[in-house]
Amino acid sequence: MKYCQKCGAELKDEDVFCPKCGHNTNESVKAEVVDKPARKRDDSLMVVAEVFCIICTVLAGFAIIPLCWMIPLTVALHNRIERKEPISVGLKVCILLFVSLISGIILLVGDENE
Protein backbone atom coordinates (compact mmCIF):
# COMPACT_ATOMS: atom_id res chain seq x y z
CA MET A 1 0.00 0.00 0.00
CA LYS A 2 1.37 3.40 -1.02
CA TYR A 3 0.47 6.84 0.22
CA CYS A 4 0.82 10.17 -1.53
CA GLN A 5 3.65 12.24 -0.07
CA LYS A 6 1.82 15.49 -0.79
CA CYS A 7 -1.71 14.88 0.52
CA GLY A 8 -1.46 11.49 2.29
CA ALA A 9 -4.19 9.85 0.21
CA GLU A 10 -4.09 6.07 -0.13
CA LEU A 11 -2.82 4.93 -3.53
CA LYS A 12 -3.11 1.68 -5.44
CA ASP A 13 0.22 0.08 -6.40
CA GLU A 14 -0.43 0.71 -10.12
CA ASP A 15 -1.36 4.42 -9.70
CA VAL A 16 1.03 6.80 -11.49
CA PHE A 17 -0.63 9.96 -10.17
CA CYS A 18 -2.51 10.62 -6.95
CA PRO A 19 -6.27 10.53 -7.66
CA LYS A 20 -6.85 13.20 -5.02
CA CYS A 21 -4.19 15.85 -5.70
CA GLY A 22 -2.54 14.70 -8.96
CA HIS A 23 0.96 14.46 -7.47
CA ASN A 24 3.42 12.08 -9.18
CA THR A 25 3.37 8.73 -7.33
CA ASN A 26 6.96 7.88 -8.22
CA GLU A 27 7.88 10.01 -5.21
CA SER A 28 5.45 8.19 -2.94
CA VAL A 29 6.67 6.04 -0.10
CA LYS A 30 5.60 2.50 0.67
CA ALA A 31 3.88 2.38 4.02
CA GLU A 32 4.05 -1.35 4.63
CA VAL A 33 7.17 -1.30 6.76
CA VAL A 34 7.13 2.12 8.40
CA ASP A 35 3.79 3.33 9.66
CA LYS A 36 3.46 6.83 10.99
CA PRO A 37 2.72 6.45 14.71
CA ALA A 38 -0.78 7.58 15.55
CA ARG A 39 -0.95 10.37 18.08
CA LYS A 40 -2.71 9.06 21.16
CA ARG A 41 -5.21 11.14 23.03
CA ASP A 42 -5.20 11.03 26.81
CA ASP A 43 -8.51 9.24 27.38
CA SER A 44 -8.35 9.65 31.16
CA LEU A 45 -8.71 13.42 30.76
CA MET A 46 -11.70 12.90 28.46
CA VAL A 47 -13.36 10.73 31.11
CA VAL A 48 -12.72 13.38 33.78
CA ALA A 49 -14.19 16.08 31.54
CA GLU A 50 -17.25 13.94 30.86
CA VAL A 51 -17.78 13.26 34.57
CA PHE A 52 -17.56 16.98 35.36
CA CYS A 53 -20.08 17.74 32.62
CA ILE A 54 -22.52 15.24 34.09
CA ILE A 55 -22.04 16.55 37.65
CA CYS A 56 -22.50 20.18 36.56
CA THR A 57 -25.62 19.31 34.58
CA VAL A 58 -27.16 17.54 37.55
CA LEU A 59 -26.25 20.38 39.93
CA ALA A 60 -27.64 23.00 37.56
CA GLY A 61 -30.86 21.01 37.30
CA PHE A 62 -31.19 20.97 41.06
CA ALA A 63 -30.40 24.67 41.30
CA ILE A 64 -32.71 25.96 38.57
CA ILE A 65 -35.81 23.80 38.84
CA PRO A 66 -36.39 24.40 42.58
CA LEU A 67 -36.21 28.12 41.91
CA CYS A 68 -39.38 27.71 39.85
CA TRP A 69 -41.09 26.70 43.10
CA MET A 70 -39.17 28.76 45.65
CA ILE A 71 -39.59 32.18 44.11
CA PRO A 72 -43.39 32.11 43.63
CA LEU A 73 -43.98 30.58 47.06
CA THR A 74 -41.77 33.18 48.74
CA VAL A 75 -43.49 36.01 46.86
CA ALA A 76 -46.94 34.64 47.81
CA LEU A 77 -45.92 34.43 51.47
CA HIS A 78 -44.45 37.95 51.36
CA ASN A 79 -47.62 39.38 49.79
CA ARG A 80 -49.87 37.71 52.39
CA ILE A 81 -47.70 38.88 55.27
CA GLU A 82 -47.56 42.43 53.90
CA ARG A 83 -51.34 42.61 53.36
CA LYS A 84 -51.98 40.88 56.71
CA GLU A 85 -54.05 38.19 54.96
CA PRO A 86 -54.40 34.72 56.48
CA ILE A 87 -51.86 32.17 55.28
CA SER A 88 -53.47 28.92 54.21
CA VAL A 89 -52.29 25.56 55.50
CA GLY A 90 -51.58 24.52 51.90
CA LEU A 91 -49.17 27.42 51.42
CA LYS A 92 -47.48 26.62 54.73
CA VAL A 93 -47.04 22.95 53.78
CA CYS A 94 -45.72 23.89 50.31
CA ILE A 95 -43.19 26.23 51.91
CA LEU A 96 -42.23 23.44 54.32
CA LEU A 97 -41.70 20.96 51.49
CA PHE A 98 -40.30 23.10 48.68
CA VAL A 99 -38.65 26.17 50.18
CA SER A 100 -37.41 25.78 53.73
CA LEU A 101 -38.05 23.18 56.39
CA ILE A 102 -37.49 25.68 59.19
CA SER A 103 -39.74 28.37 57.65
CA GLY A 104 -42.50 25.82 57.10
CA ILE A 105 -42.33 24.54 60.67
CA ILE A 106 -42.38 28.10 62.04
CA LEU A 107 -45.40 28.94 59.89
CA LEU A 108 -47.29 25.79 60.89
CA VAL A 109 -46.53 26.09 64.62
CA GLY A 110 -46.80 29.86 64.88
CA ASP A 111 -50.05 31.57 65.86
CA GLU A 112 -51.36 33.89 63.14
CA ASN A 113 -53.31 36.01 65.62
CA GLU A 114 -50.16 37.41 67.23
C-alpha atoms as a PDB file:
ATOM      1  CA  MET A   1       0.000   0.000   0.000  1.00  0.00           C
ATOM      2  CA  LYS A   2       1.365   3.402  -1.024  1.00  0.00           C
ATOM      3  CA  TYR A   3       0.466   6.839   0.220  1.00  0.00           C
ATOM      4  CA  CYS A   4       0.823  10.166  -1.534  1.00  0.00           C
ATOM      5  CA  GLN A   5       3.649  12.239  -0.069  1.00  0.00           C
ATOM      6  CA  LYS A   6       1.816  15.492  -0.790  1.00  0.00           C
ATOM      7  CA  CYS A   7      -1.714  14.877   0.521  1.00  0.00           C
ATOM      8  CA  GLY A   8      -1.456  11.495   2.288  1.00  0.00           C
ATOM      9  CA  ALA A   9      -4.187   9.850   0.211  1.00  0.00           C
ATOM     10  CA  GLU A  10      -4.093   6.069  -0.129  1.00  0.00           C
ATOM     11  CA  LEU A  11      -2.824   4.925  -3.529  1.00  0.00           C
ATOM     12  CA  LYS A  12      -3.107   1.676  -5.439  1.00  0.00           C
ATOM     13  CA  ASP A  13       0.218   0.075  -6.395  1.00  0.00           C
ATOM     14  CA  GLU A  14      -0.428   0.713 -10.116  1.00  0.00           C
ATOM     15  CA  ASP A  15      -1.358   4.422  -9.703  1.00  0.00           C
ATOM     16  CA  VAL A  16       1.025   6.799 -11.486  1.00  0.00           C
ATOM     17  CA  PHE A  17      -0.627   9.963 -10.171  1.00  0.00           C
ATOM     18  CA  CYS A  18      -2.512  10.618  -6.947  1.00  0.00           C
ATOM     19  CA  PRO A  19      -6.265  10.534  -7.663  1.00  0.00           C
ATOM     20  CA  LYS A  20      -6.846  13.197  -5.025  1.00  0.00           C
ATOM     21  CA  CYS A  21      -4.193  15.854  -5.697  1.00  0.00           C
ATOM     22  CA  GLY A  22      -2.545  14.705  -8.958  1.00  0.00           C
ATOM     23  CA  HIS A  23       0.959  14.459  -7.472  1.00  0.00           C
ATOM     24  CA  ASN A  24       3.425  12.078  -9.182  1.00  0.00           C
ATOM     25  CA  THR A  25       3.366   8.729  -7.327  1.00  0.00           C
ATOM     26  CA  ASN A  26       6.963   7.880  -8.215  1.00  0.00           C
ATOM     27  CA  GLU A  27       7.884  10.010  -5.215  1.00  0.00           C
ATOM     28  CA  SER A  28       5.446   8.194  -2.944  1.00  0.00           C
ATOM     29  CA  VAL A  29       6.675   6.044  -0.103  1.00  0.00           C
ATOM     30  CA  LYS A  30       5.602   2.501   0.674  1.00  0.00           C
ATOM     31  CA  ALA A  31       3.885   2.383   4.021  1.00  0.00           C
ATOM     32  CA  GLU A  32       4.048  -1.345   4.629  1.00  0.00           C
ATOM     33  CA  VAL A  33       7.172  -1.305   6.764  1.00  0.00           C
ATOM     34  CA  VAL A  34       7.132   2.117   8.396  1.00  0.00           C
ATOM     35  CA  ASP A  35       3.790   3.331   9.658  1.00  0.00           C
ATOM     36  CA  LYS A  36       3.464   6.826  10.985  1.00  0.00           C
ATOM     37  CA  PRO A  37       2.719   6.452  14.712  1.00  0.00           C
ATOM     38  CA  ALA A  38      -0.777   7.578  15.547  1.00  0.00           C
ATOM     39  CA  ARG A  39      -0.955  10.371  18.081  1.00  0.00           C
ATOM     40  CA  LYS A  40      -2.711   9.057  21.159  1.00  0.00           C
ATOM     41  CA  ARG A  41      -5.213  11.141  23.028  1.00  0.00           C
ATOM     42  CA  ASP A  42      -5.197  11.034  26.806  1.00  0.00           C
ATOM     43  CA  ASP A  43      -8.509   9.237  27.381  1.00  0.00           C
ATOM     44  CA  SER A  44      -8.350   9.648  31.161  1.00  0.00           C
ATOM     45  CA  LEU A  45      -8.714  13.424  30.761  1.00  0.00           C
ATOM     46  CA  MET A  46     -11.698  12.898  28.461  1.00  0.00           C
ATOM     47  CA  VAL A  47     -13.364  10.733  31.109  1.00  0.00           C
ATOM     48  CA  VAL A  48     -12.721  13.378  33.783  1.00  0.00           C
ATOM     49  CA  ALA A  49     -14.187  16.084  31.537  1.00  0.00           C
ATOM     50  CA  GLU A  50     -17.251  13.940  30.858  1.00  0.00           C
ATOM     51  CA  VAL A  51     -17.783  13.260  34.573  1.00  0.00           C
ATOM     52  CA  PHE A  52     -17.560  16.979  35.363  1.00  0.00           C
ATOM     53  CA  CYS A  53     -20.081  17.742  32.616  1.00  0.00           C
ATOM     54  CA  ILE A  54     -22.519  15.243  34.094  1.00  0.00           C
ATOM     55  CA  ILE A  55     -22.040  16.549  37.648  1.00  0.00           C
ATOM     56  CA  CYS A  56     -22.499  20.180  36.559  1.00  0.00           C
ATOM     57  CA  THR A  57     -25.615  19.309  34.579  1.00  0.00           C
ATOM     58  CA  VAL A  58     -27.164  17.545  37.555  1.00  0.00           C
ATOM     59  CA  LEU A  59     -26.254  20.384  39.926  1.00  0.00           C
ATOM     60  CA  ALA A  60     -27.641  23.003  37.557  1.00  0.00           C
ATOM     61  CA  GLY A  61     -30.857  21.013  37.300  1.00  0.00           C
ATOM     62  CA  PHE A  62     -31.192  20.968  41.064  1.00  0.00           C
ATOM     63  CA  ALA A  63     -30.401  24.669  41.299  1.00  0.00           C
ATOM     64  CA  ILE A  64     -32.709  25.958  38.566  1.00  0.00           C
ATOM     65  CA  ILE A  65     -35.809  23.804  38.839  1.00  0.00           C
ATOM     66  CA  PRO A  66     -36.391  24.399  42.576  1.00  0.00           C
ATOM     67  CA  LEU A  67     -36.208  28.122  41.905  1.00  0.00           C
ATOM     68  CA  CYS A  68     -39.382  27.711  39.854  1.00  0.00           C
ATOM     69  CA  TRP A  69     -41.092  26.701  43.100  1.00  0.00           C
ATOM     70  CA  MET A  70     -39.173  28.757  45.651  1.00  0.00           C
ATOM     71  CA  ILE A  71     -39.591  32.184  44.112  1.00  0.00           C
ATOM     72  CA  PRO A  72     -43.393  32.113  43.626  1.00  0.00           C
ATOM     73  CA  LEU A  73     -43.983  30.585  47.064  1.00  0.00           C
ATOM     74  CA  THR A  74     -41.767  33.182  48.735  1.00  0.00           C
ATOM     75  CA  VAL A  75     -43.492  36.008  46.865  1.00  0.00           C
ATOM     76  CA  ALA A  76     -46.937  34.636  47.806  1.00  0.00           C
ATOM     77  CA  LEU A  77     -45.918  34.431  51.468  1.00  0.00           C
ATOM     78  CA  HIS A  78     -44.445  37.948  51.360  1.00  0.00           C
ATOM     79  CA  ASN A  79     -47.624  39.377  49.790  1.00  0.00           C
ATOM     80  CA  ARG A  80     -49.874  37.706  52.387  1.00  0.00           C
ATOM     81  CA  ILE A  81     -47.699  38.881  55.268  1.00  0.00           C
ATOM     82  CA  GLU A  82     -47.561  42.434  53.903  1.00  0.00           C
ATOM     83  CA  ARG A  83     -51.340  42.607  53.356  1.00  0.00           C
ATOM     84  CA  LYS A  84     -51.981  40.880  56.707  1.00  0.00           C
ATOM     85  CA  GLU A  85     -54.048  38.192  54.957  1.00  0.00           C
ATOM     86  CA  PRO A  86     -54.399  34.722  56.481  1.00  0.00           C
ATOM     87  CA  ILE A  87     -51.863  32.174  55.283  1.00  0.00           C
ATOM     88  CA  SER A  88     -53.473  28.917  54.207  1.00  0.00           C
ATOM     89  CA  VAL A  89     -52.292  25.561  55.502  1.00  0.00           C
ATOM     90  CA  GLY A  90     -51.585  24.520  51.899  1.00  0.00           C
ATOM     91  CA  LEU A  91     -49.166  27.416  51.423  1.00  0.00           C
ATOM     92  CA  LYS A  92     -47.481  26.617  54.733  1.00  0.00           C
ATOM     93  CA  VAL A  93     -47.038  22.953  53.777  1.00  0.00           C
ATOM     94  CA  CYS A  94     -45.715  23.893  50.309  1.00  0.00           C
ATOM     95  CA  ILE A  95     -43.190  26.234  51.905  1.00  0.00           C
ATOM     96  CA  LEU A  96     -42.227  23.440  54.322  1.00  0.00           C
ATOM     97  CA  LEU A  97     -41.696  20.960  51.488  1.00  0.00           C
ATOM     98  CA  PHE A  98     -40.301  23.099  48.684  1.00  0.00           C
ATOM     99  CA  VAL A  99     -38.650  26.174  50.184  1.00  0.00           C
ATOM    100  CA  SER A 100     -37.412  25.779  53.732  1.00  0.00           C
ATOM    101  CA  LEU A 101     -38.048  23.180  56.387  1.00  0.00           C
ATOM    102  CA  ILE A 102     -37.488  25.682  59.193  1.00  0.00           C
ATOM    103  CA  SER A 103     -39.735  28.367  57.655  1.00  0.00           C
ATOM    104  CA  GLY A 104     -42.498  25.821  57.099  1.00  0.00           C
ATOM    105  CA  ILE A 105     -42.333  24.544  60.668  1.00  0.00           C
ATOM    106  CA  ILE A 106     -42.382  28.104  62.038  1.00  0.00           C
ATOM    107  CA  LEU A 107     -45.398  28.944  59.885  1.00  0.00           C
ATOM    108  CA  LEU A 108     -47.287  25.786  60.889  1.00  0.00           C
ATOM    109  CA  VAL A 109     -46.530  26.095  64.616  1.00  0.00           C
ATOM    110  CA  GLY A 110     -46.802  29.858  64.884  1.00  0.00           C
ATOM    111  CA  ASP A 111     -50.054  31.575  65.861  1.00  0.00           C
ATOM    112  CA  GLU A 112     -51.357  33.888  63.138  1.00  0.00           C
ATOM    113  CA  ASN A 113     -53.314  36.010  65.620  1.00  0.00           C
ATOM    114  CA  GLU A 114     -50.157  37.408  67.233  1.00  0.00           C
END
